[in-house]
Amino acid sequence: MAHAASMEQALSDAGVGLEQIHHGDGVATWHVMERAVARGHDIRVGLEDTTVLRDGRRPAGNAELVGAAAVTLESPRSL
């Protein structure tokens, strides 16, 4: 989370105004994406990012990960 915040701050400090698309790595994926959505950024996810769902279960494939990410977009948790 601290790394995501640091990268976001570096972009802001440099005056980069492009859209940001956040993704995490491993178990941090879900926290990074929740933070991004709460801050109005886009997200992406796939098996190259994480092999576990939010609850620690293994997904059947990318489609299940994307479905879980869609839930994050619909109901972001406040961080």
PDB file of N, CA and C in Angstrom:
ATOM      1  N   MET A   1       0.825  -1.178   0.000  1.00  0.00           N
ATOM      2  CA  MET A   1       0.000   0.000   0.000  1.00  0.00           C
ATOM      3  C   MET A   1       0.876   1.250   0.000  1.00  0.00           C
ATOM      4  N   ALA A   2       1.915   1.231   0.802  1.00  0.00           N
ATOM      5  CA  ALA A   2       2.800   2.389   0.873  1.00  0.00           C
ATOM      6  C   ALA A   2       3.482   2.626  -0.476  1.00  0.00           C
ATOM      7  N   HIS A   3       3.838   1.545  -1.154  1.00  0.00           N
ATOM      8  CA  HIS A   3       4.481   1.664  -2.459  1.00  0.00           C
ATOM      9  C   HIS A   3       3.505   2.275  -3.468  1.00  0.00           C
ATOM     10  N   ALA A   4       2.245   1.841  -3.450  1.00  0.00           N
ATOM     11  CA  ALA A   4       1.233   2.401  -4.349  1.00  0.00           C
ATOM     12  C   ALA A   4       1.041   3.892  -4.074  1.00  0.00           C
ATOM     13  N   ALA A   5       0.972   4.252  -2.806  1.00  0.00           N
ATOM     14  CA  ALA A   5       0.803   5.660  -2.437  1.00  0.00           C
ATOM     15  C   ALA A   5       2.008   6.487  -2.889  1.00  0.00           C
ATOM     16  N   SER A   6       3.194   5.929  -2.754  1.00  0.00           N
ATOM     17  CA  SER A   6       4.411   6.624  -3.152  1.00  0.00           C
ATOM     18  C   SER A   6       4.448   6.859  -4.665  1.00  0.00           C
ATOM     19  N   MET A   7       4.066   5.843  -5.434  1.00  0.00           N
ATOM     20  CA  MET A   7       4.052   5.995  -6.892  1.00  0.00           C
ATOM     21  C   MET A   7       3.001   7.018  -7.318  1.00  0.00           C
ATOM     22  N   GLU A   8       1.850   6.978  -6.685  1.00  0.00           N
ATOM     23  CA  GLU A   8       0.795   7.949  -6.997  1.00  0.00           C
ATOM     24  C   GLU A   8       1.270   9.364  -6.687  1.00  0.00           C
ATOM     25  N   GLN A   9       1.946   9.552  -5.585  1.00  0.00           N
ATOM     26  CA  GLN A   9       2.457  10.869  -5.204  1.00  0.00           C
ATOM     27  C   GLN A   9       3.528  11.348  -6.177  1.00  0.00           C
ATOM     28  N   ALA A  10       4.394  10.446  -6.611  1.00  0.00           N
ATOM     29  CA  ALA A  10       5.437  10.817  -7.570  1.00  0.00           C
ATOM     30  C   ALA A  10       4.829  11.305  -8.880  1.00  0.00           C
ATOM     31  N   LEU A  11       3.780  10.638  -9.342  1.00  0.00           N
ATOM     32  CA  LEU A  11       3.105  11.075 -10.564  1.00  0.00           C
ATOM     33  C   LEU A  11       2.464  12.441 -10.371  1.00  0.00           C
ATOM     34  N   SER A  12       1.831  12.627  -9.240  1.00  0.00           N
ATOM     35  CA  SER A  12       1.192  13.908  -8.944  1.00  0.00           C
ATOM     36  C   SER A  12       2.221  15.025  -8.867  1.00  0.00           C
ATOM     37  N   ASP A  13       3.312  14.769  -8.161  1.00  0.00           N
ATOM     38  CA  ASP A  13       4.381  15.771  -8.019  1.00  0.00           C
ATOM     39  C   ASP A  13       4.985  16.151  -9.368  1.00  0.00           C
ATOM     40  N   ALA A  14       5.016  15.195 -10.299  1.00  0.00           N
ATOM     41  CA  ALA A  14       5.590  15.444 -11.623  1.00  0.00           C
ATOM     42  C   ALA A  14       4.580  16.106 -12.563  1.00  0.00           C
ATOM     43  N   GLY A  15       3.355  16.295 -12.069  1.00  0.00           N
ATOM     44  CA  GLY A  15       2.338  16.943 -12.888  1.00  0.00           C
ATOM     45  C   GLY A  15       1.715  16.044 -13.940  1.00  0.00           C
ATOM     46  N   VAL A  16       1.857  14.735 -13.763  1.00  0.00           N
ATOM     47  CA  VAL A  16       1.272  13.789 -14.715  1.00  0.00           C
ATOM     48  C   VAL A  16      -0.229  13.722 -14.453  1.00  0.00           C
ATOM     49  N   GLY A  17      -1.008  14.111 -15.435  1.00  0.00           N
ATOM     50  CA  GLY A  17      -2.454  14.154 -15.261  1.00  0.00           C
ATOM     51  C   GLY A  17      -3.201  13.051 -15.986  1.00  0.00           C
ATOM     52  N   LEU A  18      -2.475  12.069 -16.488  1.00  0.00           N
ATOM     53  CA  LEU A  18      -3.116  10.957 -17.189  1.00  0.00           C
ATOM     54  C   LEU A  18      -3.875  10.070 -16.214  1.00  0.00           C
ATOM     55  N   GLU A  19      -4.836   9.299 -16.756  1.00  0.00           N
ATOM     56  CA  GLU A  19      -5.543   8.342 -15.923  1.00  0.00           C
ATOM     57  C   GLU A  19      -4.546   7.353 -15.326  1.00  0.00           C
ATOM     58  N   GLN A  20      -4.847   6.908 -14.127  1.00  0.00           N
ATOM     59  CA  GLN A  20      -4.011   5.904 -13.475  1.00  0.00           C
ATOM     60  C   GLN A  20      -4.780   4.591 -13.410  1.00  0.00           C
ATOM     61  N   ILE A  21      -4.099   3.513 -13.747  1.00  0.00           N
ATOM     62  CA  ILE A  21      -4.669   2.178 -13.644  1.00  0.00           C
ATOM     63  C   ILE A  21      -3.803   1.413 -12.660  1.00  0.00           C
ATOM     64  N   HIS A  22      -4.389   1.034 -11.547  1.00  0.00           N
ATOM     65  CA  HIS A  22      -3.643   0.371 -10.480  1.00  0.00           C
ATOM     66  C   HIS A  22      -3.879  -1.133 -10.501  1.00  0.00           C
ATOM     67  N   HIS A  23      -2.857  -1.861 -10.105  1.00  0.00           N
ATOM     68  CA  HIS A  23      -2.977  -3.301  -9.878  1.00  0.00           C
ATOM     69  C   HIS A  23      -1.943  -3.677  -8.850  1.00  0.00           C
ATOM     70  N   GLY A  24      -2.209  -4.749  -8.148  1.00  0.00           N
ATOM     71  CA  GLY A  24      -1.298  -5.160  -7.092  1.00  0.00           C
ATOM     72  C   GLY A  24      -0.540  -6.411  -7.469  1.00  0.00           C
ATOM     73  N   ASP A  25       0.062  -7.000  -6.471  1.00  0.00           N
ATOM     74  CA  ASP A  25       0.822  -8.231  -6.645  1.00  0.00           C
ATOM     75  C   ASP A  25       0.498  -9.147  -5.481  1.00  0.00           C
ATOM     76  N   GLY A  26       0.132 -10.375  -5.781  1.00  0.00           N
ATOM     77  CA  GLY A  26      -0.161 -11.337  -4.720  1.00  0.00           C
ATOM     78  C   GLY A  26      -1.316 -10.898  -3.840  1.00  0.00           C
ATOM     79  N   VAL A  27      -1.168 -11.147  -2.542  1.00  0.00           N
ATOM     80  CA  VAL A  27      -2.258 -10.846  -1.611  1.00  0.00           C
ATOM     81  C   VAL A  27      -2.520  -9.348  -1.478  1.00  0.00           C
ATOM     82  N   ALA A  28      -1.553  -8.509  -1.837  1.00  0.00           N
ATOM     83  CA  ALA A  28      -1.750  -7.056  -1.762  1.00  0.00           C
ATOM     84  C   ALA A  28      -2.684  -6.545  -2.856  1.00  0.00           C
ATOM     85  N   THR A  29      -2.919  -7.346  -3.876  1.00  0.00           N
ATOM     86  CA  THR A  29      -3.737  -6.940  -5.016  1.00  0.00           C
ATOM     87  C   THR A  29      -5.047  -6.303  -4.596  1.00  0.00           C
ATOM     88  N   TRP A  30      -5.764  -6.950  -3.713  1.00  0.00           N
ATOM     89  CA  TRP A  30      -7.106  -6.498  -3.355  1.00  0.00           C
ATOM     90  C   TRP A  30      -7.073  -5.194  -2.567  1.00  0.00           C
ATOM     91  N   HIS A  31      -6.100  -5.021  -1.709  1.00  0.00           N
ATOM     92  CA  HIS A  31      -5.973  -3.776  -0.959  1.00  0.00           C
ATOM     93  C   HIS A  31      -5.590  -2.619  -1.885  1.00  0.00           C
ATOM     94  N   VAL A  32      -4.666  -2.878  -2.790  1.00  0.00           N
ATOM     95  CA  VAL A  32      -4.240  -1.836  -3.734  1.00  0.00           C
ATOM     96  C   VAL A  32      -5.420  -1.412  -4.603  1.00  0.00           C
ATOM     97  N   MET A  33      -6.205  -2.383  -5.079  1.00  0.00           N
ATOM     98  CA  MET A  33      -7.335  -2.039  -5.935  1.00  0.00           C
ATOM     99  C   MET A  33      -8.431  -1.305  -5.165  1.00  0.00           C
ATOM    100  N   GLU A  34      -8.683  -1.696  -3.935  1.00  0.00           N
ATOM    101  CA  GLU A  34      -9.684  -0.990  -3.119  1.00  0.00           C
ATOM    102  C   GLU A  34      -9.273   0.462  -2.909  1.00  0.00           C
ATOM    103  N   ARG A  35      -7.995   0.668  -2.625  1.00  0.00           N
ATOM    104  CA  ARG A  35      -7.488   2.028  -2.432  1.00  0.00           C
ATOM    105  C   ARG A  35      -7.641   2.828  -3.716  1.00  0.00           C
ATOM    106  N   ALA A  36      -7.305   2.231  -4.844  1.00  0.00           N
ATOM    107  CA  ALA A  36      -7.391   2.916  -6.124  1.00  0.00           C
ATOM    108  C   ALA A  36      -8.826   3.337  -6.435  1.00  0.00           C
ATOM    109  N   VAL A  37      -9.760   2.427  -6.269  1.00  0.00           N
ATOM    110  CA  VAL A  37     -11.164   2.732  -6.560  1.00  0.00           C
ATOM    111  C   VAL A  37     -11.668   3.841  -5.638  1.00  0.00           C
ATOM    112  N   ALA A  38     -11.311   3.758  -4.370  1.00  0.00           N
ATOM    113  CA  ALA A  38     -11.731   4.783  -3.414  1.00  0.00           C
ATOM    114  C   ALA A  38     -11.193   6.163  -3.790  1.00  0.00           C
ATOM    115  N   ARG A  39     -10.067   6.192  -4.516  1.00  0.00           N
ATOM    116  CA  ARG A  39      -9.453   7.456  -4.914  1.00  0.00           C
ATOM    117  C   ARG A  39      -9.811   7.854  -6.354  1.00  0.00           C
ATOM    118  N   GLY A  40     -10.722   7.100  -6.974  1.00  0.00           N
ATOM    119  CA  GLY A  40     -11.195   7.437  -8.304  1.00  0.00           C
ATOM    120  C   GLY A  40     -10.341   6.949  -9.453  1.00  0.00           C
ATOM    121  N   HIS A  41      -9.473   5.992  -9.189  1.00  0.00           N
ATOM    122  CA  HIS A  41      -8.609   5.452 -10.242  1.00  0.00           C
ATOM    123  C   HIS A  41      -9.196   4.161 -10.803  1.00  0.00           C
ATOM    124  N   ASP A  42      -8.694   3.770 -11.960  1.00  0.00           N
ATOM    125  CA  ASP A  42      -9.101   2.520 -12.586  1.00  0.00           C
ATOM    126  C   ASP A  42      -8.253   1.379 -12.039  1.00  0.00           C
ATOM    127  N   ILE A  43      -8.728   0.145 -12.283  1.00  0.00           N
ATOM    128  CA  ILE A  43      -8.011  -1.039 -11.818  1.00  0.00           C
ATOM    129  C   ILE A  43      -7.969  -2.077 -12.926  1.00  0.00           C
ATOM    130  N   ARG A  44      -7.058  -3.020 -12.766  1.00  0.00           N
ATOM    131  CA  ARG A  44      -7.010  -4.186 -13.647  1.00  0.00           C
ATOM    132  C   ARG A  44      -6.521  -5.358 -12.814  1.00  0.00           C
ATOM    133  N   VAL A  45      -6.874  -6.558 -13.228  1.00  0.00           N
ATOM    134  CA  VAL A  45      -6.442  -7.746 -12.508  1.00  0.00           C
ATOM    135  C   VAL A  45      -6.368  -8.924 -13.469  1.00  0.00           C
ATOM    136  N   GLY A  46      -5.498  -9.843 -13.165  1.00  0.00           N
ATOM    137  CA  GLY A  46      -5.373 -11.080 -13.926  1.00  0.00           C
ATOM    138  C   GLY A  46      -4.459 -12.030 -13.173  1.00  0.00           C
ATOM    139  N   LEU A  47      -4.354 -13.231 -13.682  1.00  0.00           N
ATOM    140  CA  LEU A  47      -3.515 -14.235 -13.018  1.00  0.00           C
ATOM    141  C   LEU A  47      -2.047 -13.820 -12.962  1.00  0.00           C
ATOM    142  N   GLU A  48      -1.643 -12.859 -13.815  1.00  0.00           N
ATOM    143  CA  GLU A  48      -0.265 -12.371 -13.737  1.00  0.00           C
ATOM    144  C   GLU A  48      -0.049 -11.482 -12.520  1.00  0.00           C
ATOM    145  N   ASP A  49      -1.155 -11.033 -11.895  1.00  0.00           N
ATOM    146  CA  ASP A  49      -1.075 -10.193 -10.700  1.00  0.00           C
ATOM    147  C   ASP A  49      -1.211 -11.018  -9.422  1.00  0.00           C
ATOM    148  N   THR A  50      -2.197 -11.883  -9.410  1.00  0.00           N
ATOM    149  CA  THR A  50      -2.470 -12.662  -8.202  1.00  0.00           C
ATOM    150  C   THR A  50      -3.109 -13.988  -8.566  1.00  0.00           C
ATOM    151  N   THR A  51      -2.883 -14.975  -7.752  1.00  0.00           N
ATOM    152  CA  THR A  51      -3.499 -16.287  -7.953  1.00  0.00           C
ATOM    153  C   THR A  51      -4.471 -16.608  -6.828  1.00  0.00           C
ATOM    154  N   VAL A  52      -4.860 -15.574  -6.080  1.00  0.00           N
ATOM    155  CA  VAL A  52      -5.825 -15.771  -5.000  1.00  0.00           C
ATOM    156  C   VAL A  52      -6.910 -14.708  -5.052  1.00  0.00           C
ATOM    157  N   LEU A  53      -8.096 -15.110  -4.647  1.00  0.00           N
ATOM    158  CA  LEU A  53      -9.205 -14.181  -4.504  1.00  0.00           C
ATOM    159  C   LEU A  53      -9.070 -13.463  -3.170  1.00  0.00           C
ATOM    160  N   ARG A  54      -9.923 -12.494  -2.939  1.00  0.00           N
ATOM    161  CA  ARG A  54      -9.887 -11.705  -1.702  1.00  0.00           C
ATOM    162  C   ARG A  54      -9.914 -12.596  -0.452  1.00  0.00           C
ATOM    163  N   ASP A  55     -10.689 -13.698  -0.521  1.00  0.00           N
ATOM    164  CA  ASP A  55     -10.821 -14.578   0.643  1.00  0.00           C
ATOM    165  C   ASP A  55      -9.750 -15.666   0.710  1.00  0.00           C
ATOM    166  N   GLY A  56      -8.774 -15.610  -0.210  1.00  0.00           N
ATOM    167  CA  GLY A  56      -7.670 -16.558  -0.184  1.00  0.00           C
ATOM    168  C   GLY A  56      -7.874 -17.796  -1.050  1.00  0.00           C
ATOM    169  N   ARG A  57      -9.083 -17.979  -1.574  1.00  0.00           N
ATOM    170  CA  ARG A  57      -9.327 -19.125  -2.456  1.00  0.00           C
ATOM    171  C   ARG A  57      -8.649 -18.916  -3.801  1.00  0.00           C
ATOM    172  N   ARG A  58      -8.352 -19.995  -4.474  1.00  0.00           N
ATOM    173  CA  ARG A  58      -7.784 -19.929  -5.824  1.00  0.00           C
ATOM    174  C   ARG A  58      -8.916 -19.753  -6.825  1.00  0.00           C
ATOM    175  N   PRO A  59      -8.776 -18.816  -7.749  1.00  0.00           N
ATOM    176  CA  PRO A  59      -9.826 -18.612  -8.756  1.00  0.00           C
ATOM    177  C   PRO A  59      -9.780 -19.710  -9.814  1.00  0.00           C
ATOM    178  N   ALA A  60     -10.914 -19.915 -10.465  1.00  0.00           N
ATOM    179  CA  ALA A  60     -10.973 -20.877 -11.563  1.00  0.00           C
ATOM    180  C   ALA A  60     -10.216 -20.349 -12.781  1.00  0.00           C
ATOM    181  N   GLY A  61     -10.027 -19.042 -12.842  1.00  0.00           N
ATOM    182  CA  GLY A  61      -9.323 -18.427 -13.965  1.00  0.00           C
ATOM    183  C   GLY A  61      -9.457 -16.916 -13.907  1.00  0.00           C
ATOM    184  N   ASN A  62      -9.014 -16.269 -14.972  1.00  0.00           N
ATOM    185  CA  ASN A  62      -9.068 -14.815 -15.031  1.00  0.00           C
ATOM    186  C   ASN A  62     -10.486 -14.274 -14.879  1.00  0.00           C
ATOM    187  N   ALA A  63     -11.459 -14.970 -15.453  1.00  0.00           N
ATOM    188  CA  ALA A  63     -12.838 -14.487 -15.388  1.00  0.00           C
ATOM    189  C   ALA A  63     -13.310 -14.347 -13.947  1.00  0.00           C
ATOM    190  N   GLU A  64     -12.934 -15.254 -13.088  1.00  0.00           N
ATOM    191  CA  GLU A  64     -13.342 -15.156 -11.685  1.00  0.00           C
ATOM    192  C   GLU A  64     -12.640 -13.990 -10.993  1.00  0.00           C
ATOM    193  N   LEU A  65     -11.380 -13.758 -11.332  1.00  0.00           N
ATOM    194  CA  LEU A  65     -10.674 -12.604 -10.775  1.00  0.00           C
ATOM    195  C   LEU A  65     -11.331 -11.297 -11.233  1.00  0.00           C
ATOM    196  N   VAL A  66     -11.670 -11.218 -12.509  1.00  0.00           N
ATOM    197  CA  VAL A  66     -12.302 -10.015 -13.033  1.00  0.00           C
ATOM    198  C   VAL A  66     -13.660  -9.806 -12.364  1.00  0.00           C
ATOM    199  N   GLY A  67     -14.401 -10.867 -12.146  1.00  0.00           N
ATOM    200  CA  GLY A  67     -15.680 -10.750 -11.447  1.00  0.00           C
ATOM    201  C   GLY A  67     -15.513 -10.206 -10.044  1.00  0.00           C
ATOM    202  N   ALA A  68     -14.497 -10.675  -9.353  1.00  0.00           N
ATOM    203  CA  ALA A  68     -14.229 -10.176  -7.996  1.00  0.00           C
ATOM    204  C   ALA A  68     -13.814  -8.706  -8.031  1.00  0.00           C
ATOM    205  N   ALA A  69     -13.054  -8.322  -9.046  1.00  0.00           N
ATOM    206  CA  ALA A  69     -12.660  -6.919  -9.181  1.00  0.00           C
ATOM    207  C   ALA A  69     -13.875  -6.052  -9.480  1.00  0.00           C
ATOM    208  N   ALA A  70     -14.820  -6.571 -10.248  1.00  0.00           N
ATOM    209  CA  ALA A  70     -16.037  -5.815 -10.560  1.00  0.00           C
ATOM    210  C   ALA A  70     -16.807  -5.497  -9.287  1.00  0.00           C
ATOM    211  N   VAL A  71     -16.800  -6.415  -8.336  1.00  0.00           N
ATOM    212  CA  VAL A  71     -17.457  -6.177  -7.047  1.00  0.00           C
ATOM    213  C   VAL A  71     -16.767  -5.009  -6.343  1.00  0.00           C
ATOM    214  N   THR A  72     -15.455  -4.933  -6.440  1.00  0.00           N
ATOM    215  CA  THR A  72     -14.704  -3.830  -5.844  1.00  0.00           C
ATOM    216  C   THR A  72     -15.136  -2.495  -6.463  1.00  0.00           C
ATOM    217  N   LEU A  73     -15.358  -2.490  -7.773  1.00  0.00           N
ATOM    218  CA  LEU A  73     -15.796  -1.274  -8.457  1.00  0.00           C
ATOM    219  C   LEU A  73     -17.204  -0.858  -8.000  1.00  0.00           C
ATOM    220  N   GLU A  74     -18.062  -1.847  -7.772  1.00  0.00           N
ATOM    221  CA  GLU A  74     -19.439  -1.570  -7.379  1.00  0.00           C
ATOM    222  C   GLU A  74     -19.553  -1.115  -5.928  1.00  0.00           C
ATOM    223  N   SER A  75     -18.730  -1.681  -5.072  1.00  0.00           N
ATOM    224  CA  SER A  75     -18.834  -1.409  -3.632  1.00  0.00           C
ATOM    225  C   SER A  75     -17.455  -1.232  -3.020  1.00  0.00           C
ATOM    226  N   PRO A  76     -16.771  -0.130  -3.333  1.00  0.00           N
ATOM    227  CA  PRO A  76     -15.423   0.051  -2.777  1.00  0.00           C
ATOM    228  C   PRO A  76     -15.472   0.210  -1.252  1.00  0.00           C
ATOM    229  N   ARG A  77     -14.503  -0.373  -0.610  1.00  0.00           N
ATOM    230  CA  ARG A  77     -14.364  -0.202   0.834  1.00  0.00           C
ATOM    231  C   ARG A  77     -13.575   1.064   1.067  1.00  0.00           C
ATOM    232  N   SER A  78     -13.914   1.784   2.086  1.00  0.00           N
ATOM    233  CA  SER A  78     -13.164   3.020   2.367  1.00  0.00           C
ATOM    234  C   SER A  78     -11.873   2.676   3.071  1.00  0.00           C
ATOM    235  N   LEU A  79     -10.778   3.229   2.572  1.00  0.00           N
ATOM    236  CA  LEU A  79      -9.457   2.975   3.158  1.00  0.00           C
ATOM    237  C   LEU A  79      -8.838   4.293   3.565  1.00  0.00           C
TER     238      LEU A  79
END
